[in-house]
Full PDB file with SEQRES, HELIX, SHEET, SSBOND, CRYST1, ORIGX, SCALE, CONECT and MASTER records, all heavy atoms in Angstrom:
SEQRES   1 A   37  THR THR GLU GLY ASP PRO LEU ILE LYS SER ARG ILE ARG          
SEQRES   2 A   37  SER ILE GLN ARG GLN LEU ALA ARG ARG ARG MET MET ALA          
SEQRES   3 A   37  GLU VAL PRO LYS ALA ASP VAL ILE VAL THR ASN                  
HELIX    1 AA1 PRO A    6  GLU A   27  1                                  22    
HELIX    2 AA2 VAL A   28  LYS A   30  5                                   3    
CRYST1    1.000    1.000    1.000  90.00  90.00  90.00 P 1           1          
ORIGX1      1.000000  0.000000  0.000000        0.00000                         
ORIGX2      0.000000  1.000000  0.000000        0.00000                         
ORIGX3      0.000000  0.000000  1.000000        0.00000                         
SCALE1      1.000000  0.000000  0.000000        0.00000                         
SCALE2      0.000000  1.000000  0.000000        0.00000                         
SCALE3      0.000000  0.000000  1.000000        0.00000                         
ATOM      1  N   THR A   1      21.713   3.073  13.096  1.00  0.00           N  
ATOM      2  CA  THR A   1      21.542   4.408  13.680  1.00  0.00           C  
ATOM      3  C   THR A   1      21.245   5.452  12.617  1.00  0.00           C  
ATOM      4  O   THR A   1      20.391   6.322  12.804  1.00  0.00           O  
ATOM      5  CB  THR A   1      22.812   4.804  14.449  1.00  0.00           C  
ATOM      6  OG1 THR A   1      23.078   3.810  15.454  1.00  0.00           O  
ATOM      7  CG2 THR A   1      22.637   6.158  15.119  1.00  0.00           C  
ATOM      8  N   THR A   2      21.954   5.356  11.500  1.00  0.00           N  
ATOM      9  CA  THR A   2      21.799   6.378  10.458  1.00  0.00           C  
ATOM     10  C   THR A   2      20.638   6.076   9.524  1.00  0.00           C  
ATOM     11  O   THR A   2      19.884   6.968   9.148  1.00  0.00           O  
ATOM     12  CB  THR A   2      23.096   6.496   9.651  1.00  0.00           C  
ATOM     13  OG1 THR A   2      23.454   5.204   9.123  1.00  0.00           O  
ATOM     14  CG2 THR A   2      24.230   6.997  10.529  1.00  0.00           C  
ATOM     15  N   GLU A   3      20.512   4.821   9.118  1.00  0.00           N  
ATOM     16  CA  GLU A   3      19.488   4.456   8.143  1.00  0.00           C  
ATOM     17  C   GLU A   3      18.244   3.840   8.771  1.00  0.00           C  
ATOM     18  O   GLU A   3      17.207   3.742   8.128  1.00  0.00           O  
ATOM     19  CB  GLU A   3      20.074   3.474   7.120  1.00  0.00           C  
ATOM     20  CG  GLU A   3      21.286   3.998   6.376  1.00  0.00           C  
ATOM     21  CD  GLU A   3      20.935   5.177   5.496  1.00  0.00           C  
ATOM     22  OE1 GLU A   3      19.767   5.264   5.069  1.00  0.00           O  
ATOM     23  OE2 GLU A   3      21.823   6.005   5.232  1.00  0.00           O  
ATOM     24  N   GLY A   4      18.381   3.408  10.028  1.00  0.00           N  
ATOM     25  CA  GLY A   4      17.249   2.761  10.684  1.00  0.00           C  
ATOM     26  C   GLY A   4      17.376   1.247  10.635  1.00  0.00           C  
ATOM     27  O   GLY A   4      18.035   0.684   9.767  1.00  0.00           O  
ATOM     28  N   ASP A   5      16.754   0.582  11.597  1.00  0.00           N  
ATOM     29  CA  ASP A   5      16.775  -0.876  11.648  1.00  0.00           C  
ATOM     30  C   ASP A   5      16.065  -1.433  10.415  1.00  0.00           C  
ATOM     31  O   ASP A   5      14.923  -1.072  10.124  1.00  0.00           O  
ATOM     32  CB  ASP A   5      16.056  -1.334  12.928  1.00  0.00           C  
ATOM     33  CG  ASP A   5      16.298  -2.822  13.202  1.00  0.00           C  
ATOM     34  OD1 ASP A   5      16.404  -3.579  12.223  1.00  0.00           O  
ATOM     35  OD2 ASP A   5      16.372  -3.194  14.387  1.00  0.00           O  
ATOM     36  N   PRO A   6      16.714  -2.341   9.672  1.00  0.00           N  
ATOM     37  CA  PRO A   6      16.084  -2.905   8.466  1.00  0.00           C  
ATOM     38  C   PRO A   6      14.739  -3.561   8.752  1.00  0.00           C  
ATOM     39  O   PRO A   6      13.814  -3.472   7.934  1.00  0.00           O  
ATOM     40  CB  PRO A   6      17.114  -3.927   7.978  1.00  0.00           C  
ATOM     41  CG  PRO A   6      18.419  -3.452   8.526  1.00  0.00           C  
ATOM     42  CD  PRO A   6      18.092  -2.810   9.838  1.00  0.00           C  
ATOM     43  N   LEU A   7      14.606  -4.220   9.901  1.00  0.00           N  
ATOM     44  CA  LEU A   7      13.327  -4.852  10.239  1.00  0.00           C  
ATOM     45  C   LEU A   7      12.236  -3.817  10.449  1.00  0.00           C  
ATOM     46  O   LEU A   7      11.097  -3.979   9.989  1.00  0.00           O  
ATOM     47  CB  LEU A   7      13.489  -5.715  11.498  1.00  0.00           C  
ATOM     48  CG  LEU A   7      14.440  -6.912  11.365  1.00  0.00           C  
ATOM     49  CD1 LEU A   7      14.567  -7.625  12.704  1.00  0.00           C  
ATOM     50  CD2 LEU A   7      13.927  -7.870  10.286  1.00  0.00           C  
ATOM     51  N   ILE A   8      12.603  -2.731  11.134  1.00  0.00           N  
ATOM     52  CA  ILE A   8      11.624  -1.674  11.373  1.00  0.00           C  
ATOM     53  C   ILE A   8      11.245  -0.995  10.060  1.00  0.00           C  
ATOM     54  O   ILE A   8      10.070  -0.715   9.798  1.00  0.00           O  
ATOM     55  CB  ILE A   8      12.178  -0.649  12.376  1.00  0.00           C  
ATOM     56  CG1 ILE A   8      12.401  -1.320  13.744  1.00  0.00           C  
ATOM     57  CG2 ILE A   8      11.236   0.543  12.512  1.00  0.00           C  
ATOM     58  CD1 ILE A   8      13.008  -0.420  14.780  1.00  0.00           C  
ATOM     59  N   LYS A   9      12.264  -0.723   9.216  1.00  0.00           N  
ATOM     60  CA  LYS A   9      11.985  -0.089   7.931  1.00  0.00           C  
ATOM     61  C   LYS A   9      11.098  -0.984   7.065  1.00  0.00           C  
ATOM     62  O   LYS A   9      10.198  -0.503   6.375  1.00  0.00           O  
ATOM     63  CB  LYS A   9      13.297   0.224   7.206  1.00  0.00           C  
ATOM     64  CG  LYS A   9      14.126   1.308   7.870  1.00  0.00           C  
ATOM     65  CD  LYS A   9      15.382   1.594   7.089  1.00  0.00           C  
ATOM     66  CE  LYS A   9      15.073   2.223   5.766  1.00  0.00           C  
ATOM     67  NZ  LYS A   9      16.297   2.587   5.015  1.00  0.00           N  
ATOM     68  N   SER A  10      11.368  -2.303   7.113  1.00  0.00           N  
ATOM     69  CA  SER A  10      10.541  -3.227   6.348  1.00  0.00           C  
ATOM     70  C   SER A  10       9.104  -3.220   6.842  1.00  0.00           C  
ATOM     71  O   SER A  10       8.156  -3.251   6.051  1.00  0.00           O  
ATOM     72  CB  SER A  10      11.132  -4.639   6.438  1.00  0.00           C  
ATOM     73  OG  SER A  10      10.308  -5.566   5.782  1.00  0.00           O  
ATOM     74  N   ARG A  11       8.959  -3.166   8.169  1.00  0.00           N  
ATOM     75  CA  ARG A  11       7.622  -3.122   8.750  1.00  0.00           C  
ATOM     76  C   ARG A  11       6.897  -1.830   8.368  1.00  0.00           C  
ATOM     77  O   ARG A  11       5.697  -1.850   8.051  1.00  0.00           O  
ATOM     78  CB  ARG A  11       7.726  -3.226  10.275  1.00  0.00           C  
ATOM     79  CG  ARG A  11       6.400  -3.133  11.021  1.00  0.00           C  
ATOM     80  CD  ARG A  11       5.440  -4.216  10.591  1.00  0.00           C  
ATOM     81  NE  ARG A  11       4.187  -4.142  11.322  1.00  0.00           N  
ATOM     82  CZ  ARG A  11       3.085  -4.762  10.968  1.00  0.00           C  
ATOM     83  NH1 ARG A  11       3.057  -5.522   9.873  1.00  0.00           N  
ATOM     84  NH2 ARG A  11       1.984  -4.650  11.692  1.00  0.00           N  
ATOM     85  N   ILE A  12       7.627  -0.720   8.356  1.00  0.00           N  
ATOM     86  CA  ILE A  12       7.029   0.560   7.979  1.00  0.00           C  
ATOM     87  C   ILE A  12       6.578   0.532   6.520  1.00  0.00           C  
ATOM     88  O   ILE A  12       5.477   0.996   6.187  1.00  0.00           O  
ATOM     89  CB  ILE A  12       8.027   1.713   8.217  1.00  0.00           C  
ATOM     90  CG1 ILE A  12       8.272   1.902   9.721  1.00  0.00           C  
ATOM     91  CG2 ILE A  12       7.528   3.016   7.587  1.00  0.00           C  
ATOM     92  CD1 ILE A  12       9.333   2.908  10.050  1.00  0.00           C  
ATOM     93  N   ARG A  13       7.438  -0.013   5.642  1.00  0.00           N  
ATOM     94  CA  ARG A  13       7.061  -0.117   4.229  1.00  0.00           C  
ATOM     95  C   ARG A  13       5.837  -1.003   4.043  1.00  0.00           C  
ATOM     96  O   ARG A  13       4.972  -0.723   3.211  1.00  0.00           O  
ATOM     97  CB  ARG A  13       8.240  -0.649   3.416  1.00  0.00           C  
ATOM     98  CG  ARG A  13       9.350   0.365   3.205  1.00  0.00           C  
ATOM     99  CD  ARG A  13      10.313  -0.106   2.122  1.00  0.00           C  
ATOM    100  NE  ARG A  13      11.003  -1.321   2.528  1.00  0.00           N  
ATOM    101  CZ  ARG A  13      12.189  -1.348   3.112  1.00  0.00           C  
ATOM    102  NH1 ARG A  13      12.809  -0.194   3.369  1.00  0.00           N  
ATOM    103  NH2 ARG A  13      12.766  -2.488   3.442  1.00  0.00           N  
ATOM    104  N   SER A  14       5.761  -2.078   4.835  1.00  0.00           N  
ATOM    105  CA  SER A  14       4.610  -2.965   4.740  1.00  0.00           C  
ATOM    106  C   SER A  14       3.327  -2.243   5.136  1.00  0.00           C  
ATOM    107  O   SER A  14       2.297  -2.372   4.469  1.00  0.00           O  
ATOM    108  CB  SER A  14       4.824  -4.188   5.644  1.00  0.00           C  
ATOM    109  OG  SER A  14       3.691  -5.024   5.641  1.00  0.00           O  
ATOM    110  N   ILE A  15       3.413  -1.467   6.226  1.00  0.00           N  
ATOM    111  CA  ILE A  15       2.238  -0.706   6.670  1.00  0.00           C  
ATOM    112  C   ILE A  15       1.841   0.333   5.624  1.00  0.00           C  
ATOM    113  O   ILE A  15       0.651   0.541   5.341  1.00  0.00           O  
ATOM    114  CB  ILE A  15       2.524  -0.041   8.030  1.00  0.00           C  
ATOM    115  CG1 ILE A  15       2.702  -1.113   9.117  1.00  0.00           C  
ATOM    116  CG2 ILE A  15       1.409   0.922   8.409  1.00  0.00           C  
ATOM    117  CD1 ILE A  15       3.129  -0.561  10.456  1.00  0.00           C  
ATOM    118  N   GLN A  16       2.871   0.988   5.040  1.00  0.00           N  
ATOM    119  CA  GLN A  16       2.580   1.981   4.007  1.00  0.00           C  
ATOM    120  C   GLN A  16       1.902   1.348   2.803  1.00  0.00           C  
ATOM    121  O   GLN A  16       0.978   1.928   2.219  1.00  0.00           O  
ATOM    122  CB  GLN A  16       3.876   2.690   3.592  1.00  0.00           C  
ATOM    123  CG  GLN A  16       4.456   3.600   4.656  1.00  0.00           C  
ATOM    124  CD  GLN A  16       5.807   4.155   4.278  1.00  0.00           C  
ATOM    125  OE1 GLN A  16       6.493   3.629   3.382  1.00  0.00           O  
ATOM    126  NE2 GLN A  16       6.213   5.238   4.932  1.00  0.00           N  
ATOM    127  N   ARG A  17       2.357   0.157   2.415  1.00  0.00           N  
ATOM    128  CA  ARG A  17       1.718  -0.534   1.291  1.00  0.00           C  
ATOM    129  C   ARG A  17       0.271  -0.894   1.611  1.00  0.00           C  
ATOM    130  O   ARG A  17      -0.619  -0.785   0.754  1.00  0.00           O  
ATOM    131  CB  ARG A  17       2.520  -1.786   0.922  1.00  0.00           C  
ATOM    132  CG  ARG A  17       3.818  -1.495   0.195  1.00  0.00           C  
ATOM    133  CD  ARG A  17       4.372  -2.773  -0.426  1.00  0.00           C  
ATOM    134  NE  ARG A  17       4.706  -3.765   0.591  1.00  0.00           N  
ATOM    135  CZ  ARG A  17       5.913  -3.890   1.127  1.00  0.00           C  
ATOM    136  NH1 ARG A  17       6.896  -3.071   0.759  1.00  0.00           N  
ATOM    137  NH2 ARG A  17       6.156  -4.828   2.033  1.00  0.00           N  
ATOM    138  N   GLN A  18       0.048  -1.337   2.864  1.00  0.00           N  
ATOM    139  CA  GLN A  18      -1.314  -1.689   3.255  1.00  0.00           C  
ATOM    140  C   GLN A  18      -2.238  -0.470   3.207  1.00  0.00           C  
ATOM    141  O   GLN A  18      -3.375  -0.565   2.720  1.00  0.00           O  
ATOM    142  CB  GLN A  18      -1.312  -2.290   4.659  1.00  0.00           C  
ATOM    143  CG  GLN A  18      -0.655  -3.670   4.745  1.00  0.00           C  
ATOM    144  CD  GLN A  18      -0.619  -4.189   6.167  1.00  0.00           C  
ATOM    145  OE1 GLN A  18      -1.203  -3.600   7.075  1.00  0.00           O  
ATOM    146  NE2 GLN A  18       0.056  -5.315   6.353  1.00  0.00           N  
ATOM    147  N   LEU A  19      -1.747   0.667   3.710  1.00  0.00           N  
ATOM    148  CA  LEU A  19      -2.569   1.879   3.682  1.00  0.00           C  
ATOM    149  C   LEU A  19      -2.850   2.331   2.250  1.00  0.00           C  
ATOM    150  O   LEU A  19      -3.971   2.742   1.927  1.00  0.00           O  
ATOM    151  CB  LEU A  19      -1.850   2.998   4.461  1.00  0.00           C  
ATOM    152  CG  LEU A  19      -1.700   2.767   5.974  1.00  0.00           C  
ATOM    153  CD1 LEU A  19      -0.881   3.897   6.597  1.00  0.00           C  
ATOM    154  CD2 LEU A  19      -3.076   2.693   6.643  1.00  0.00           C  
ATOM    155  N   ALA A  20      -1.801   2.249   1.395  1.00  0.00           N  
ATOM    156  CA  ALA A  20      -1.993   2.636  -0.006  1.00  0.00           C  
ATOM    157  C   ALA A  20      -2.984   1.705  -0.692  1.00  0.00           C  
ATOM    158  O   ALA A  20      -3.819   2.138  -1.505  1.00  0.00           O  
ATOM    159  CB  ALA A  20      -0.646   2.609  -0.736  1.00  0.00           C  
ATOM    160  N   ARG A  21      -2.921   0.407  -0.335  1.00  0.00           N  
ATOM    161  CA  ARG A  21      -3.840  -0.565  -0.923  1.00  0.00           C  
ATOM    162  C   ARG A  21      -5.279  -0.283  -0.483  1.00  0.00           C  
ATOM    163  O   ARG A  21      -6.222  -0.381  -1.282  1.00  0.00           O  
ATOM    164  CB  ARG A  21      -3.431  -1.972  -0.520  1.00  0.00           C  
ATOM    165  CG  ARG A  21      -4.141  -3.069  -1.300  1.00  0.00           C  
ATOM    166  CD  ARG A  21      -3.663  -4.428  -0.866  1.00  0.00           C  
ATOM    167  NE  ARG A  21      -2.225  -4.561  -1.063  1.00  0.00           N  
ATOM    168  CZ  ARG A  21      -1.367  -4.935  -0.116  1.00  0.00           C  
ATOM    169  NH1 ARG A  21      -1.814  -5.217   1.107  1.00  0.00           N  
ATOM    170  NH2 ARG A  21      -0.087  -5.050  -0.369  1.00  0.00           N  
ATOM    171  N   ARG A  22      -5.442   0.085   0.796  1.00  0.00           N  
ATOM    172  CA  ARG A  22      -6.785   0.401   1.284  1.00  0.00           C  
ATOM    173  C   ARG A  22      -7.349   1.626   0.579  1.00  0.00           C  
ATOM    174  O   ARG A  22      -8.538   1.658   0.214  1.00  0.00           O  
ATOM    175  CB  ARG A  22      -6.748   0.621   2.793  1.00  0.00           C  
ATOM    176  CG  ARG A  22      -6.506  -0.642   3.598  1.00  0.00           C  
ATOM    177  CD  ARG A  22      -6.397  -0.308   5.074  1.00  0.00           C  
ATOM    178  NE  ARG A  22      -6.085  -1.512   5.849  1.00  0.00           N  
ATOM    179  CZ  ARG A  22      -5.851  -1.505   7.171  1.00  0.00           C  
ATOM    180  NH1 ARG A  22      -5.915  -0.347   7.839  1.00  0.00           N  
ATOM    181  NH2 ARG A  22      -5.577  -2.627   7.801  1.00  0.00           N  
ATOM    182  N   ARG A  23      -6.495   2.640   0.391  1.00  0.00           N  
ATOM    183  CA  ARG A  23      -6.972   3.836  -0.311  1.00  0.00           C  
ATOM    184  C   ARG A  23      -7.338   3.500  -1.749  1.00  0.00           C  
ATOM    185  O   ARG A  23      -8.323   4.025  -2.298  1.00  0.00           O  
ATOM    186  CB  ARG A  23      -5.887   4.920  -0.281  1.00  0.00           C  
ATOM    187  CG  ARG A  23      -5.672   5.559   1.086  1.00  0.00           C  
ATOM    188  CD  ARG A  23      -4.849   6.834   0.974  1.00  0.00           C  
ATOM    189  NE  ARG A  23      -3.497   6.545   0.472  1.00  0.00           N  
ATOM    190  CZ  ARG A  23      -2.448   6.285   1.251  1.00  0.00           C  
ATOM    191  NH1 ARG A  23      -2.606   6.275   2.582  1.00  0.00           N  
ATOM    192  NH2 ARG A  23      -1.272   6.050   0.733  1.00  0.00           N  
ATOM    193  N   MET A  24      -6.543   2.613  -2.363  1.00  0.00           N  
ATOM    194  CA  MET A  24      -6.830   2.221  -3.746  1.00  0.00           C  
ATOM    195  C   MET A  24      -8.148   1.452  -3.822  1.00  0.00           C  
ATOM    196  O   MET A  24      -8.970   1.691  -4.724  1.00  0.00           O  
ATOM    197  CB  MET A  24      -5.672   1.373  -4.287  1.00  0.00           C  
ATOM    198  CG  MET A  24      -5.836   0.969  -5.745  1.00  0.00           C  
ATOM    199  SD  MET A  24      -4.480  -0.078  -6.320  1.00  0.00           S  
ATOM    200  CE  MET A  24      -4.821  -1.597  -5.403  1.00  0.00           C  
ATOM    201  N   MET A  25      -8.351   0.524  -2.879  1.00  0.00           N  
ATOM    202  CA  MET A  25      -9.580  -0.258  -2.879  1.00  0.00           C  
ATOM    203  C   MET A  25     -10.797   0.633  -2.659  1.00  0.00           C  
ATOM    204  O   MET A  25     -11.894   0.354  -3.170  1.00  0.00           O  
ATOM    205  CB  MET A  25      -9.517  -1.343  -1.805  1.00  0.00           C  
ATOM    206  CG  MET A  25      -8.486  -2.430  -2.066  1.00  0.00           C  
ATOM    207  SD  MET A  25      -8.766  -3.278  -3.636  1.00  0.00           S  
ATOM    208  CE  MET A  25      -7.405  -4.448  -3.621  1.00  0.00           C  
ATOM    209  N   ALA A  26     -10.610   1.708  -1.894  1.00  0.00           N  
ATOM    210  CA  ALA A  26     -11.730   2.620  -1.661  1.00  0.00           C  
ATOM    211  C   ALA A  26     -12.123   3.361  -2.931  1.00  0.00           C  
ATOM    212  O   ALA A  26     -13.256   3.889  -3.035  1.00  0.00           O  
ATOM    213  CB  ALA A  26     -11.354   3.621  -0.566  1.00  0.00           C  
ATOM    214  N   GLU A  27     -11.208   3.437  -3.933  1.00  0.00           N  
ATOM    215  CA  GLU A  27     -11.512   4.113  -5.195  1.00  0.00           C  
ATOM    216  C   GLU A  27     -12.208   3.203  -6.202  1.00  0.00           C  
ATOM    217  O   GLU A  27     -12.767   3.682  -7.193  1.00  0.00           O  
ATOM    218  CB  GLU A  27     -10.203   4.635  -5.809  1.00  0.00           C  
ATOM    219  CG  GLU A  27      -9.512   5.723  -5.004  1.00  0.00           C  
ATOM    220  CD  GLU A  27     -10.321   7.008  -4.982  1.00  0.00           C  
ATOM    221  OE1 GLU A  27     -10.861   7.382  -6.044  1.00  0.00           O  
ATOM    222  OE2 GLU A  27     -10.446   7.623  -3.896  1.00  0.00           O  
ATOM    223  N   VAL A  28     -12.158   1.878  -5.980  1.00  0.00           N  
ATOM    224  CA  VAL A  28     -12.717   0.929  -6.941  1.00  0.00           C  
ATOM    225  C   VAL A  28     -14.202   1.182  -7.203  1.00  0.00           C  
ATOM    226  O   VAL A  28     -14.652   1.135  -8.371  1.00  0.00           O  
ATOM    227  CB  VAL A  28     -12.471  -0.526  -6.479  1.00  0.00           C  
ATOM    228  CG1 VAL A  28     -13.208  -1.510  -7.387  1.00  0.00           C  
ATOM    229  CG2 VAL A  28     -10.986  -0.835  -6.465  1.00  0.00           C  
ATOM    230  N   PRO A  29     -15.031   1.482  -6.199  1.00  0.00           N  
ATOM    231  CA  PRO A  29     -16.466   1.721  -6.479  1.00  0.00           C  
ATOM    232  C   PRO A  29     -16.721   2.892  -7.421  1.00  0.00           C  
ATOM    233  O   PRO A  29     -17.827   3.001  -7.990  1.00  0.00           O  
ATOM    234  CB  PRO A  29     -17.061   1.985  -5.089  1.00  0.00           C  
ATOM    235  CG  PRO A  29     -16.148   1.259  -4.158  1.00  0.00           C  
ATOM    236  CD  PRO A  29     -14.786   1.416  -4.743  1.00  0.00           C  
ATOM    237  N   LYS A  30     -15.723   3.764  -7.610  1.00  0.00           N  
ATOM    238  CA  LYS A  30     -15.898   4.918  -8.505  1.00  0.00           C  
ATOM    239  C   LYS A  30     -15.581   4.557  -9.955  1.00  0.00           C  
ATOM    240  O   LYS A  30     -15.737   5.408 -10.839  1.00  0.00           O  
ATOM    241  CB  LYS A  30     -14.990   6.067  -8.063  1.00  0.00           C  
ATOM    242  CG  LYS A  30     -15.236   6.539  -6.637  1.00  0.00           C  
ATOM    243  CD  LYS A  30     -14.267   7.631  -6.259  1.00  0.00           C  
ATOM    244  CE  LYS A  30     -14.445   8.071  -4.800  1.00  0.00           C  
ATOM    245  NZ  LYS A  30     -13.478   9.122  -4.409  1.00  0.00           N  
ATOM    246  N   ALA A  31     -15.103   3.340 -10.205  1.00  0.00           N  
ATOM    247  CA  ALA A  31     -14.671   2.947 -11.549  1.00  0.00           C  
ATOM    248  C   ALA A  31     -15.863   2.757 -12.484  1.00  0.00           C  
ATOM    249  O   ALA A  31     -16.985   2.435 -12.059  1.00  0.00           O  
ATOM    250  CB  ALA A  31     -13.844   1.667 -11.475  1.00  0.00           C  
ATOM    251  N   ASP A  32     -15.626   2.932 -13.788  1.00  0.00           N  
ATOM    252  CA  ASP A  32     -16.631   2.673 -14.813  1.00  0.00           C  
ATOM    253  C   ASP A  32     -16.544   1.250 -15.337  1.00  0.00           C  
ATOM    254  O   ASP A  32     -17.560   0.682 -15.769  1.00  0.00           O  
ATOM    255  CB  ASP A  32     -16.454   3.653 -15.986  1.00  0.00           C  
ATOM    256  CG  ASP A  32     -16.781   5.072 -15.571  1.00  0.00           C  
ATOM    257  OD1 ASP A  32     -17.856   5.284 -15.011  1.00  0.00           O  
ATOM    258  OD2 ASP A  32     -15.933   5.968 -15.788  1.00  0.00           O  
ATOM    259  N   VAL A  33     -15.309   0.685 -15.309  1.00  0.00           N  
ATOM    260  CA  VAL A  33     -15.121  -0.658 -15.817  1.00  0.00           C  
ATOM    261  C   VAL A  33     -13.857  -1.253 -15.200  1.00  0.00           C  
ATOM    262  O   VAL A  33     -12.921  -0.533 -14.855  1.00  0.00           O  
ATOM    263  CB  VAL A  33     -15.001  -0.661 -17.360  1.00  0.00           C  
ATOM    264  CG1 VAL A  33     -13.776   0.118 -17.820  1.00  0.00           C  
ATOM    265  CG2 VAL A  33     -14.981  -2.080 -17.916  1.00  0.00           C  
ATOM    266  N   ILE A  34     -13.848  -2.595 -15.086  1.00  0.00           N  
ATOM    267  CA  ILE A  34     -12.681  -3.327 -14.624  1.00  0.00           C  
ATOM    268  C   ILE A  34     -12.199  -4.196 -15.774  1.00  0.00           C  
ATOM    269  O   ILE A  34     -12.955  -5.039 -16.284  1.00  0.00           O  
ATOM    270  CB  ILE A  34     -12.996  -4.200 -13.402  1.00  0.00           C  
ATOM    271  CG1 ILE A  34     -13.665  -3.383 -12.296  1.00  0.00           C  
ATOM    272  CG2 ILE A  34     -11.722  -4.873 -12.895  1.00  0.00           C  
ATOM    273  CD1 ILE A  34     -12.798  -2.273 -11.741  1.00  0.00           C  
ATOM    274  N   VAL A  35     -10.967  -3.997 -16.209  1.00  0.00           N  
ATOM    275  CA  VAL A  35     -10.388  -4.785 -17.290  1.00  0.00           C  
ATOM    276  C   VAL A  35      -9.518  -5.868 -16.648  1.00  0.00           C  
ATOM    277  O   VAL A  35      -8.633  -5.579 -15.842  1.00  0.00           O  
ATOM    278  CB  VAL A  35      -9.544  -3.906 -18.234  1.00  0.00           C  
ATOM    279  CG1 VAL A  35      -8.968  -4.739 -19.382  1.00  0.00           C  
ATOM    280  CG2 VAL A  35     -10.383  -2.754 -18.775  1.00  0.00           C  
ATOM    281  N   THR A  36      -9.754  -7.141 -17.028  1.00  0.00           N  
ATOM    282  CA  THR A  36      -9.023  -8.253 -16.409  1.00  0.00           C  
ATOM    283  C   THR A  36      -8.258  -9.063 -17.435  1.00  0.00           C  
ATOM    284  O   THR A  36      -8.421  -8.888 -18.647  1.00  0.00           O  
ATOM    285  CB  THR A  36     -10.000  -9.180 -15.660  1.00  0.00           C  
ATOM    286  OG1 THR A  36     -10.878  -9.794 -16.622  1.00  0.00           O  
ATOM    287  CG2 THR A  36     -10.818  -8.418 -14.636  1.00  0.00           C  
ATOM    288  N   ASN A  37      -7.497 -10.060 -16.872  1.00  0.00           N  
ATOM    289  CA  ASN A  37      -6.552 -10.835 -17.709  1.00  0.00           C  
ATOM    290  C   ASN A  37      -6.867 -12.309 -17.978  1.00  0.00           C  
ATOM    291  O   ASN A  37      -6.063 -12.922 -18.705  1.00  0.00           O  
ATOM    292  CB  ASN A  37      -5.163 -10.740 -17.063  1.00  0.00           C  
ATOM    293  CG  ASN A  37      -4.085 -11.251 -17.999  1.00  0.00           C  
ATOM    294  OD1 ASN A  37      -4.251 -11.256 -19.218  1.00  0.00           O  
ATOM    295  ND2 ASN A  37      -2.994 -11.709 -17.461  1.00  0.00           N  
TER     296      ASN A  37                                                      
MASTER        0    0    0    2    0    0    0    6  295    1    0    3          
END                                                                             
């Protein structure tokens, strides 16, 4: 009741990560170089 259902909070965090990842991927075409490992 106070903190929210852990399953729902986990689902919300997952959706937030997906949205942040999509925004990040949309910035990749603006890059000058990709450094890899």
